[in-house]
Amino acid sequence: MRRSGVLLPVSSLPGAYGIGCFSKEAYEFVDFLAKTKTRYWQILPLGQTSYGDSPYQSFSTFAGNPYFIDLNELIAKGFLKKTECDGADFGDNEEYIDYGIMYESRYAILRKAFKRAVKKSLVEDRDFLKFKKKNVEWLFDYALFMALKDAHGGASWDEWEDELRMREKEALEAAAGIYAIDIEFYSWLQYLFYTQWKALKKYANKAGVKIIGDIPIYVSFDSSDAWANPELFWFDADRRPVRVAGCPPDSFAKEGQLWGNPLYDWKYHESTGYQWWIKRMKSCGKLYDMVRIDHFRGFDEYYTIPYGDENAVNGEWVKGPGYALFEAVKAKLGDIDVIVEDLGFITDSVRRLVKKTGWPNMKIIEFGFGGGDDTGKNEYLTCNYDKNCVVYTGTHDNDTLEGWHKEADSKDIAKAVSYLGLNDNEGFVWGTLRGGMSSVANLFVAQMQDYLGLDSGARINTPGKVDGNWQWRVLPNFLSPELAESIRQLADVYQRLPSEEEE
């Protein structure tokens, strides 16, 4: 079925209190998508962000981001006062998130809400207790991890005392008693997060909008996953990484990219029947309707860098788990909806793995014009797509179409203009949107910035850039009826609207 989607991170939604969240603005965005007949809303990972504020570096692969909790709902329930929220400093720029201020202010206000919940005995609420019991496998370790991080001034777990770092039983039991209130606080935040997200997703699904989520291939070293489950990772006897993740040197990064994530002990995962990965995919299946697996090529071969190196120059490729992992996932979870992120330097073995899974892969329109390939064999040119793919104007790592139009090599832009048949009357951005919408790909996804015609100031992330990423937000009142109708008409022309039976 031919369908279309919009990529917009939750954090990029407008609204009060410094960052997009599960507030009325999120519900209004769902209403907007429903009016356009757009059937997919793609977001970025919902995990709790750590240093650098990237959603791909989280303190837990299972925990949600407390920043996304709607404070207005807490006001309505009597946990907070509106004057308290209005008086807190969440930054004064509607278009960009100030994460430094957000870290200081958001948790302070959430602790006020928690204290009132404790006074009202709402932490003994049956639903909250049920939530804790249902998620005990990861929730307690996560909450204890966060409590210990606070107690250690935010230091990474590898800097804690040996008895805590190595998870000695007596030390953990003592910590659980000392930090019982903090453990309850972080558990309660997860209850709020999951309750509010579940309500928003239910609303979207009822409106005919499905959620595309994102699962990073790796977890952060400074995470409850690595601390509580060291057997999952390529660690030495002292629980230090042997080698870490990254990308090799290329024309964009002469020293490569040193991500620093711990690598998996794939032999251990194989010995368990890939149980942890099955649990992870099952969790994503509950959060989202479709899952994009990030850096898919790492399951075929992954780049390993000696721990302690300052760059990625001395890395090497190591064989990954291959299809065995996905065979195990499918055997347990059935035919789940997945999008494969197979961008970057892709080998024939990666292509074979993608084909064997049967899952659609990704195409980026911009990539069709930047490689200097005039033979017609460029796989990102729309004429070379097959139906089983998802075409994007760009991902969170790409510039907006308007930004690309202004900054790209003039020869690349000339190729795009000629290939897509663009003209001055239609405009470069809207003509490129038409190029993606008209392709044979079953699903077309555009960044919201592209429908709004925004330039590089609205870019989400620039790989290799240390700061200034993940901050952009749409301004209020961006969802005009005229824009909704224009998007709907474009989808209608290229037969991407749902059938009458689906309405």
Protein backbone atom coordinates (compact mmCIF):
# COMPACT_ATOMS: atom_id res chain seq x y z
CA MET A 1 0.00 0.00 0.00
CA ARG A 2 1.30 3.43 -0.95
CA ARG A 3 1.42 5.69 2.10
CA SER A 4 3.18 8.82 3.36
CA GLY A 5 4.62 9.96 6.67
CA VAL A 6 6.15 12.92 8.45
CA LEU A 7 9.33 12.91 10.52
CA LEU A 8 9.15 15.18 13.58
CA PRO A 9 10.79 14.39 16.94
CA VAL A 10 8.61 14.77 20.02
CA SER A 11 11.20 17.20 21.39
CA SER A 12 10.65 19.44 18.35
CA LEU A 13 6.98 20.03 19.05
CA PRO A 14 5.96 23.52 20.26
CA GLY A 15 4.53 24.19 23.71
CA ALA A 16 5.32 25.68 27.08
CA TYR A 17 8.18 24.74 29.40
CA GLY A 18 11.13 24.49 27.06
CA ILE A 19 10.76 21.26 25.11
CA GLY A 20 8.18 19.35 23.09
CA CYS A 21 6.36 16.73 25.12
CA PHE A 22 3.16 14.66 25.35
CA SER A 23 1.08 17.82 25.71
CA LYS A 24 -1.94 19.12 23.81
CA GLU A 25 0.43 20.22 21.02
CA ALA A 26 1.26 16.57 20.34
CA TYR A 27 -2.44 15.75 20.05
CA GLU A 28 -2.92 18.75 17.75
CA PHE A 29 -0.12 17.46 15.54
CA VAL A 30 -1.90 14.10 15.30
CA ASP A 31 -5.07 15.97 14.28
CA PHE A 32 -3.06 17.79 11.62
CA LEU A 33 -1.70 14.53 10.23
CA ALA A 34 -5.20 13.08 10.17
CA LYS A 35 -6.41 16.08 8.13
CA THR A 36 -3.60 15.58 5.60
CA LYS A 37 -4.42 11.84 5.42
CA THR A 38 -0.81 11.16 6.39
CA ARG A 39 -0.69 7.72 7.94
CA TYR A 40 2.70 7.68 9.68
CA TRP A 41 4.34 9.90 12.27
CA GLN A 42 8.03 9.07 12.60
CA ILE A 43 9.85 10.13 15.76
CA LEU A 44 13.33 9.70 17.22
CA PRO A 45 14.16 7.36 20.14
CA LEU A 46 12.16 8.16 23.27
CA GLY A 47 14.90 7.12 25.70
CA GLN A 48 16.24 9.29 28.50
CA THR A 49 19.04 11.35 27.00
CA SER A 50 22.45 11.53 28.63
CA TYR A 51 25.47 13.77 28.02
CA GLY A 52 25.37 15.42 24.62
CA ASP A 53 21.56 15.27 24.64
CA SER A 54 21.44 12.76 21.79
CA PRO A 55 18.46 10.39 21.77
CA TYR A 56 20.93 7.77 20.52
CA GLN A 57 22.89 7.95 23.81
CA SER A 58 20.54 6.99 26.62
CA PHE A 59 20.82 6.02 30.27
CA SER A 60 18.60 3.02 29.51
CA THR A 61 17.33 1.21 26.45
CA PHE A 62 13.99 0.64 28.19
CA ALA A 63 13.39 3.86 30.14
CA GLY A 64 11.56 6.83 28.62
CA ASN A 65 12.65 10.46 28.68
CA PRO A 66 11.15 12.33 31.69
CA TYR A 67 11.43 15.58 29.70
CA PHE A 68 8.46 14.37 27.65
CA ILE A 69 6.11 14.18 30.64
CA ASP A 70 3.37 16.77 30.18
CA LEU A 71 3.57 19.18 33.11
CA ASN A 72 0.11 20.55 32.36
CA GLU A 73 -1.35 17.14 33.14
CA LEU A 74 0.46 17.16 36.47
CA ILE A 75 -1.02 20.59 37.15
CA ALA A 76 -4.49 19.30 36.33
CA LYS A 77 -4.03 16.40 38.76
CA GLY A 78 -2.87 18.66 41.57
CA PHE A 79 0.75 17.49 41.63
CA LEU A 80 1.99 20.91 40.53
CA LYS A 81 0.81 24.51 40.60
CA LYS A 82 0.70 26.49 37.38
CA THR A 83 2.55 29.33 39.07
CA GLU A 84 5.39 26.93 39.88
CA CYS A 85 5.75 25.83 36.26
CA ASP A 86 5.34 29.33 34.85
CA GLY A 87 7.92 30.64 37.31
CA ALA A 88 10.54 28.00 36.57
CA ASP A 89 13.32 28.77 34.09
CA PHE A 90 13.07 26.50 31.04
CA GLY A 91 14.82 28.91 28.66
CA ASP A 92 13.29 31.80 26.77
CA ASN A 93 13.82 30.68 23.16
CA GLU A 94 10.75 29.06 21.62
CA GLU A 95 12.72 27.71 18.63
CA TYR A 96 15.64 26.01 20.38
CA ILE A 97 15.93 23.80 23.46
CA ASP A 98 18.40 24.80 26.17
CA TYR A 99 19.33 21.40 27.61
CA GLY A 100 21.53 22.84 30.33
CA ILE A 101 18.64 24.81 31.79
CA MET A 102 16.28 21.93 31.08
CA TYR A 103 18.36 19.50 33.16
CA GLU A 104 18.39 21.81 36.15
CA SER A 105 14.75 22.93 36.02
CA ARG A 106 12.84 19.90 34.79
CA TYR A 107 13.94 17.44 37.44
CA ALA A 108 13.50 20.04 40.18
CA ILE A 109 9.88 20.61 39.18
CA LEU A 110 9.25 16.88 38.80
CA ARG A 111 10.58 16.28 42.32
CA LYS A 112 8.03 18.78 43.63
CA ALA A 113 5.31 16.80 41.89
CA PHE A 114 6.64 13.55 43.35
CA LYS A 115 6.65 14.92 46.92
CA ARG A 116 2.97 15.81 46.58
CA ALA A 117 2.24 12.37 45.15
CA VAL A 118 3.92 10.83 48.20
CA LYS A 119 1.86 13.00 50.57
CA LYS A 120 -1.32 11.92 48.80
CA SER A 121 -0.19 8.27 48.98
CA LEU A 122 -0.52 8.11 45.20
CA VAL A 123 2.78 6.23 44.97
CA GLU A 124 0.79 3.39 46.50
CA ASP A 125 -1.74 3.61 43.69
CA ARG A 126 -2.68 0.21 42.32
CA ASP A 127 -1.78 1.12 38.73
CA PHE A 128 1.66 2.36 39.77
CA LEU A 129 2.35 -0.77 41.79
CA LYS A 130 1.19 -2.88 38.85
CA PHE A 131 3.51 -0.96 36.53
CA LYS A 132 6.49 -1.57 38.82
CA LYS A 133 5.76 -5.26 39.05
CA LYS A 134 5.28 -5.65 35.30
CA ASN A 135 8.57 -3.88 34.50
CA VAL A 136 10.67 -5.06 37.42
CA GLU A 137 13.16 -6.77 35.10
CA TRP A 138 14.62 -3.41 34.06
CA LEU A 139 12.92 -0.73 36.15
CA PHE A 140 14.58 -1.33 39.53
CA ASP A 141 18.11 -1.50 38.10
CA TYR A 142 17.46 1.67 36.10
CA ALA A 143 16.02 3.58 39.07
CA LEU A 144 18.87 2.47 41.36
CA PHE A 145 21.37 3.41 38.64
CA MET A 146 19.92 6.93 38.37
CA ALA A 147 19.82 7.31 42.16
CA LEU A 148 23.48 6.31 42.40
CA LYS A 149 24.43 8.68 39.58
CA ASP A 150 22.80 11.52 41.51
CA ALA A 151 24.64 10.47 44.67
CA HIS A 152 27.95 10.49 42.75
CA GLY A 153 27.42 13.92 41.21
CA GLY A 154 26.50 12.48 37.81
CA ALA A 155 29.73 10.49 37.48
CA SER A 156 29.77 7.53 35.11
CA TRP A 157 29.31 4.15 36.83
CA ASP A 158 32.88 3.09 36.03
CA GLU A 159 34.03 5.83 38.44
CA TRP A 160 31.98 4.55 41.39
CA GLU A 161 33.39 2.58 44.31
CA ASP A 162 34.42 -0.93 43.26
CA GLU A 163 31.71 -2.60 45.33
CA LEU A 164 29.01 -0.64 43.50
CA ARG A 165 30.73 -0.71 40.12
CA MET A 166 31.08 -4.48 40.35
CA ARG A 167 27.55 -4.83 41.80
CA GLU A 168 28.47 -6.66 44.99
CA LYS A 169 25.31 -7.97 46.64
CA GLU A 170 25.73 -6.34 50.05
CA ALA A 171 26.59 -2.97 48.53
CA LEU A 172 23.51 -3.06 46.27
CA GLU A 173 21.23 -4.02 49.16
CA ALA A 174 22.60 -1.16 51.27
CA ALA A 175 22.19 1.31 48.41
CA ALA A 176 18.60 0.18 47.83
CA GLY A 177 17.83 1.14 51.42
CA ILE A 178 19.73 4.41 51.49
CA TYR A 179 18.27 5.67 48.22
CA ALA A 180 14.78 4.17 48.48
CA ILE A 181 13.05 7.53 47.97
CA ASP A 182 15.11 8.35 44.88
CA ILE A 183 14.46 4.89 43.45
CA GLU A 184 10.75 5.47 43.92
CA PHE A 185 11.04 8.89 42.28
CA TYR A 186 12.65 7.56 39.10
CA SER A 187 10.20 4.65 38.99
CA TRP A 188 7.28 7.07 39.28
CA LEU A 189 8.63 9.18 36.40
CA GLN A 190 8.67 6.08 34.21
CA TYR A 191 5.09 5.34 35.21
CA LEU A 192 4.07 8.87 34.17
CA PHE A 193 6.02 8.63 30.92
CA TYR A 194 4.55 5.30 29.85
CA THR A 195 1.02 6.26 30.91
CA GLN A 196 1.08 9.51 28.94
CA TRP A 197 2.76 7.97 25.88
CA LYS A 198 0.27 5.10 25.82
CA ALA A 199 -2.59 7.62 25.81
CA LEU A 200 -1.04 9.65 22.98
CA LYS A 201 -0.32 6.59 20.86
CA LYS A 202 -3.87 5.32 21.40
CA TYR A 203 -5.21 8.69 20.24
CA ALA A 204 -2.99 8.62 17.15
CA ASN A 205 -3.97 5.08 16.22
CA LYS A 206 -7.65 5.92 16.63
CA ALA A 207 -7.12 8.82 14.21
CA GLY A 208 -5.55 6.43 11.70
CA VAL A 209 -1.98 7.55 12.38
CA LYS A 210 0.70 4.94 13.09
CA ILE A 211 3.92 5.67 14.98
CA ILE A 212 7.34 4.84 13.53
CA GLY A 213 9.89 4.59 16.33
CA ASP A 214 13.64 4.20 16.28
CA ILE A 215 15.91 1.65 17.98
CA PRO A 216 19.61 2.52 18.19
CA ILE A 217 21.84 -0.48 17.51
CA TYR A 218 24.06 0.34 20.49
CA VAL A 219 23.49 1.46 24.07
CA SER A 220 25.53 4.00 25.98
CA PHE A 221 28.41 2.78 28.15
CA ASP A 222 27.13 4.98 30.97
CA SER A 223 23.78 3.23 31.13
CA SER A 224 21.92 0.92 33.45
CA ASP A 225 22.08 -1.70 30.68
CA ALA A 226 25.88 -1.84 30.73
CA TRP A 227 26.11 -1.55 34.52
CA ALA A 228 23.43 -4.11 35.39
CA ASN A 229 24.09 -6.58 32.55
CA PRO A 230 27.84 -6.56 31.81
CA GLU A 231 27.66 -10.08 30.38
CA LEU A 232 25.91 -8.64 27.33
CA PHE A 233 28.97 -6.64 26.30
CA TRP A 234 32.57 -7.04 25.19
CA PHE A 235 34.08 -6.17 28.58
CA ASP A 236 37.19 -7.40 30.31
CA ALA A 237 37.23 -8.99 33.77
CA ASP A 238 37.28 -5.53 35.35
CA ARG A 239 34.16 -4.54 33.36
CA ARG A 240 36.00 -2.11 31.11
CA PRO A 241 35.35 -2.16 27.36
CA VAL A 242 37.88 -4.08 25.29
CA ARG A 243 36.89 -2.33 22.08
CA VAL A 244 34.22 0.29 21.31
CA ALA A 245 31.98 1.29 18.41
CA GLY A 246 32.49 3.84 15.66
CA CYS A 247 32.96 4.33 11.93
CA PRO A 248 36.14 4.17 9.84
CA PRO A 249 37.80 7.22 8.25
CA ASP A 250 36.17 8.50 5.07
CA SER A 251 35.98 11.66 2.97
CA PHE A 252 33.75 13.30 5.59
CA ALA A 253 35.84 12.38 8.65
CA LYS A 254 39.55 11.77 8.11
CA GLU A 255 39.97 10.25 11.57
CA GLY A 256 36.69 8.35 11.44
CA GLN A 257 33.97 8.60 14.06
CA LEU A 258 34.65 7.42 17.61
CA TRP A 259 31.21 6.78 19.10
CA GLY A 260 32.52 5.03 22.20
CA ASN A 261 29.54 2.71 22.71
CA PRO A 262 30.29 -0.71 24.20
CA LEU A 263 30.14 -3.55 21.70
CA TYR A 264 28.07 -6.68 22.21
CA ASP A 265 29.41 -10.09 23.15
CA TRP A 266 27.58 -11.76 20.28
CA LYS A 267 28.68 -15.25 21.33
CA TYR A 268 26.94 -14.76 24.65
CA HIS A 269 23.80 -13.44 22.94
CA GLU A 270 23.79 -16.44 20.64
CA SER A 271 24.07 -18.80 23.64
CA THR A 272 20.87 -17.29 25.11
CA GLY A 273 18.92 -17.44 21.87
CA TYR A 274 19.23 -13.64 21.65
CA GLN A 275 16.82 -13.22 24.57
CA TRP A 276 17.88 -9.65 25.43
CA TRP A 277 17.38 -8.51 21.85
CA ILE A 278 14.01 -10.21 21.70
CA LYS A 279 12.96 -8.36 24.87
CA ARG A 280 14.25 -5.11 23.39
CA MET A 281 12.35 -5.57 20.14
CA LYS A 282 9.23 -6.63 22.03
CA SER A 283 9.41 -3.45 24.10
CA CYS A 284 9.70 -1.37 20.93
CA GLY A 285 6.76 -3.26 19.46
CA LYS A 286 4.63 -1.99 22.34
CA LEU A 287 5.89 1.58 22.09
CA TYR A 288 5.56 1.89 18.30
CA ASP A 289 3.64 0.49 15.35
CA MET A 290 6.76 0.22 13.19
CA VAL A 291 10.44 0.23 14.21
CA ARG A 292 13.40 1.68 12.34
CA ILE A 293 16.58 -0.24 13.21
CA ASP A 294 19.48 2.19 13.22
CA HIS A 295 22.91 1.32 11.71
CA PHE A 296 21.70 -2.01 10.34
CA ARG A 297 24.98 -2.77 8.64
CA GLY A 298 26.48 -3.36 12.11
CA PHE A 299 24.59 -6.66 12.30
CA ASP A 300 26.49 -7.91 9.27
CA GLU A 301 29.88 -6.43 10.16
CA TYR A 302 30.69 -3.86 12.81
CA TYR A 303 33.65 -1.53 13.21
CA THR A 304 35.65 -2.00 16.42
CA ILE A 305 38.14 0.48 17.90
CA PRO A 306 40.58 -0.25 20.75
CA TYR A 307 39.26 1.19 24.01
CA GLY A 308 41.23 4.31 24.93
CA ASP A 309 42.09 5.36 21.38
CA GLU A 310 41.54 9.05 20.65
CA ASN A 311 40.12 8.44 17.17
CA ALA A 312 38.82 5.66 14.92
CA VAL A 313 41.87 5.25 12.69
CA ASN A 314 43.05 1.94 14.19
CA GLY A 315 39.73 0.15 14.01
CA GLU A 316 38.85 -3.05 12.22
CA TRP A 317 35.73 -4.80 10.93
CA VAL A 318 34.39 -7.83 12.79
CA LYS A 319 31.66 -10.22 11.66
CA GLY A 320 28.29 -9.64 13.31
CA PRO A 321 25.44 -12.03 14.18
CA GLY A 322 23.86 -11.84 10.73
CA TYR A 323 20.45 -13.30 10.01
CA ALA A 324 20.49 -15.61 13.05
CA LEU A 325 19.49 -12.70 15.29
CA PHE A 326 16.51 -11.70 13.16
CA GLU A 327 15.47 -15.30 12.66
CA ALA A 328 15.26 -15.63 16.46
CA VAL A 329 13.34 -12.35 16.76
CA LYS A 330 10.84 -13.38 14.10
CA ALA A 331 10.39 -16.82 15.65
CA LYS A 332 9.37 -15.23 18.97
CA LEU A 333 7.60 -12.06 17.89
CA GLY A 334 6.17 -12.97 14.51
CA ASP A 335 6.06 -10.73 11.45
CA ILE A 336 6.88 -7.34 12.98
CA ASP A 337 6.98 -4.10 10.97
CA VAL A 338 10.57 -2.93 10.60
CA ILE A 339 12.46 -0.36 8.53
CA VAL A 340 16.14 -1.11 7.91
CA GLU A 341 18.55 1.84 8.11
CA ASP A 342 21.18 0.71 5.62
CA LEU A 343 22.77 4.06 4.81
CA GLY A 344 26.50 4.73 4.51
CA PHE A 345 29.08 2.40 2.99
CA ILE A 346 27.05 -0.69 2.17
CA THR A 347 28.59 -3.97 0.99
CA ASP A 348 26.99 -6.79 -0.98
CA SER A 349 26.80 -8.92 2.18
CA VAL A 350 24.75 -6.17 3.87
CA ARG A 351 22.46 -6.04 0.85
CA ARG A 352 21.98 -9.80 1.04
CA LEU A 353 21.14 -9.58 4.75
CA VAL A 354 18.59 -6.84 4.12
CA LYS A 355 17.00 -8.86 1.33
CA LYS A 356 16.86 -12.00 3.49
CA THR A 357 14.95 -10.20 6.26
CA GLY A 358 12.35 -9.04 3.75
CA TRP A 359 12.18 -5.67 5.49
CA PRO A 360 12.13 -2.39 3.53
CA ASN A 361 15.33 -0.37 3.46
CA MET A 362 15.92 3.37 3.24
CA LYS A 363 16.53 5.77 0.37
CA ILE A 364 17.49 9.45 0.72
CA ILE A 365 16.58 11.68 -2.21
CA GLU A 366 19.57 13.99 -1.70
CA PHE A 367 21.99 11.07 -2.04
CA GLY A 368 20.89 10.51 -5.63
CA PHE A 369 22.69 13.64 -6.77
CA GLY A 370 25.84 13.92 -4.66
CA GLY A 371 27.91 10.93 -5.71
CA GLY A 372 28.94 11.99 -9.18
CA ASP A 373 27.41 8.81 -10.61
CA ASP A 374 26.13 9.59 -14.10
CA THR A 375 25.67 5.96 -15.15
CA GLY A 376 22.10 5.69 -13.84
CA LYS A 377 23.21 3.02 -11.34
CA ASN A 378 22.99 5.25 -8.28
CA GLU A 379 20.62 3.33 -5.99
CA TYR A 380 19.29 6.58 -4.51
CA LEU A 381 17.88 7.84 -7.80
CA THR A 382 14.13 7.27 -7.74
CA CYS A 383 14.19 5.38 -11.04
CA ASN A 384 16.24 2.66 -9.35
CA TYR A 385 13.92 2.08 -6.36
CA ASP A 386 11.81 -0.99 -5.90
CA LYS A 387 8.52 -0.87 -4.01
CA ASN A 388 9.86 -2.43 -0.82
CA CYS A 389 11.66 0.65 0.46
CA VAL A 390 11.04 3.88 2.36
CA VAL A 391 12.15 7.09 0.66
CA TYR A 392 13.03 10.14 2.76
CA THR A 393 13.69 13.75 1.90
CA GLY A 394 16.24 13.43 4.68
CA THR A 395 16.73 11.90 8.12
CA HIS A 396 17.61 13.67 11.37
CA ASP A 397 21.25 13.54 10.20
CA ASN A 398 20.60 15.40 6.93
CA ASP A 399 20.13 19.04 6.18
CA THR A 400 16.69 20.29 5.26
CA LEU A 401 15.90 20.45 1.54
CA GLU A 402 16.12 24.26 1.60
CA GLY A 403 19.42 24.10 3.49
CA TRP A 404 20.78 21.54 1.04
CA HIS A 405 19.59 23.68 -1.87
CA LYS A 406 21.58 26.64 -0.53
CA GLU A 407 24.72 24.80 0.59
CA ALA A 408 25.23 21.84 -1.79
CA ASP A 409 27.56 21.83 -4.78
CA SER A 410 25.93 23.67 -7.68
CA LYS A 411 26.52 20.66 -9.94
CA ASP A 412 24.55 18.42 -7.56
CA ILE A 413 21.68 20.89 -7.45
CA ALA A 414 21.72 21.15 -11.25
CA LYS A 415 21.43 17.35 -11.45
CA ALA A 416 18.46 17.40 -9.09
CA VAL A 417 16.74 20.17 -11.03
CA SER A 418 17.19 18.32 -14.31
CA TYR A 419 16.34 14.85 -13.00
CA LEU A 420 13.25 15.87 -11.02
CA GLY A 421 12.03 18.36 -13.62
CA LEU A 422 11.95 21.20 -11.13
CA ASN A 423 10.79 24.69 -12.09
CA ASP A 424 10.64 28.20 -10.67
CA ASN A 425 6.86 28.18 -10.38
CA GLU A 426 6.79 25.15 -8.10
CA GLY A 427 9.97 25.85 -6.18
CA PHE A 428 12.92 23.57 -5.40
CA VAL A 429 11.66 22.22 -2.08
CA TRP A 430 8.11 21.44 -3.12
CA GLY A 431 9.30 19.96 -6.40
CA THR A 432 11.68 17.63 -4.54
CA LEU A 433 8.84 16.60 -2.22
CA ARG A 434 6.86 15.73 -5.33
CA GLY A 435 9.81 13.66 -6.57
CA GLY A 436 9.71 11.51 -3.44
CA MET A 437 5.93 11.33 -3.25
CA SER A 438 5.74 10.20 -6.90
CA SER A 439 8.31 7.40 -6.52
CA VAL A 440 7.39 3.70 -6.50
CA ALA A 441 8.43 3.35 -2.83
CA ASN A 442 5.62 1.99 -0.68
CA LEU A 443 6.28 4.67 1.94
CA PHE A 444 7.43 8.27 1.53
CA VAL A 445 8.53 10.23 4.63
CA ALA A 446 9.32 13.95 4.67
CA GLN A 447 10.87 15.99 7.43
CA MET A 448 8.33 18.47 8.78
CA GLN A 449 10.92 21.19 8.14
CA ASP A 450 10.69 20.44 4.42
CA TYR A 451 6.93 20.88 4.27
CA LEU A 452 7.52 24.20 6.07
CA GLY A 453 10.30 25.17 3.64
CA LEU A 454 12.83 25.87 6.43
CA ASP A 455 16.58 26.25 5.95
CA SER A 456 19.60 24.85 7.83
CA GLY A 457 18.59 26.65 11.01
CA ALA A 458 15.98 23.90 11.42
CA ARG A 459 18.44 21.05 11.03
CA ILE A 460 18.15 18.44 13.80
CA ASN A 461 21.68 17.03 13.86
CA THR A 462 25.01 17.53 12.11
CA PRO A 463 27.15 14.37 12.55
CA GLY A 464 30.58 15.18 13.93
CA LYS A 465 29.42 18.50 15.38
CA VAL A 466 29.97 18.53 19.14
CA ASP A 467 27.21 20.91 20.22
CA GLY A 468 24.13 22.66 18.88
CA ASN A 469 22.33 19.45 17.91
CA TRP A 470 18.88 18.09 18.82
CA GLN A 471 17.66 21.57 19.76
CA TRP A 472 15.32 22.74 16.99
CA ARG A 473 11.59 23.14 17.63
CA VAL A 474 8.74 24.27 15.40
CA LEU A 475 7.19 27.56 16.39
CA PRO A 476 3.55 27.72 17.58
CA ASN A 477 0.78 27.97 14.98
CA PHE A 478 2.79 26.15 12.31
CA LEU A 479 -0.09 23.80 11.46
CA SER A 480 -2.07 25.89 9.03
CA PRO A 481 -5.16 24.56 7.19
CA GLU A 482 -3.56 25.65 3.91
CA LEU A 483 -0.47 23.52 4.53
CA ALA A 484 -2.62 20.54 5.51
CA GLU A 485 -4.57 20.80 2.27
CA SER A 486 -1.41 21.14 0.17
CA ILE A 487 0.06 17.97 1.71
CA ARG A 488 -3.21 16.10 1.26
CA GLN A 489 -3.47 17.13 -2.39
CA LEU A 490 0.11 16.04 -3.12
CA ALA A 491 -0.54 12.62 -1.56
CA ASP A 492 -3.80 12.34 -3.49
CA VAL A 493 -2.14 13.00 -6.84
CA TYR A 494 0.34 10.19 -6.25
CA GLN A 495 -2.17 7.76 -4.76
CA ARG A 496 -0.88 7.73 -1.20
CA LEU A 497 -4.21 8.38 0.50
CA PRO A 498 -5.95 5.63 2.49
CA SER A 499 -8.86 3.88 0.83
CA GLU A 500 -12.47 4.61 1.78
CA GLU A 501 -12.61 1.26 3.61
CA GLU A 502 -9.76 2.39 5.88
CA GLU A 503 -11.37 5.71 6.78
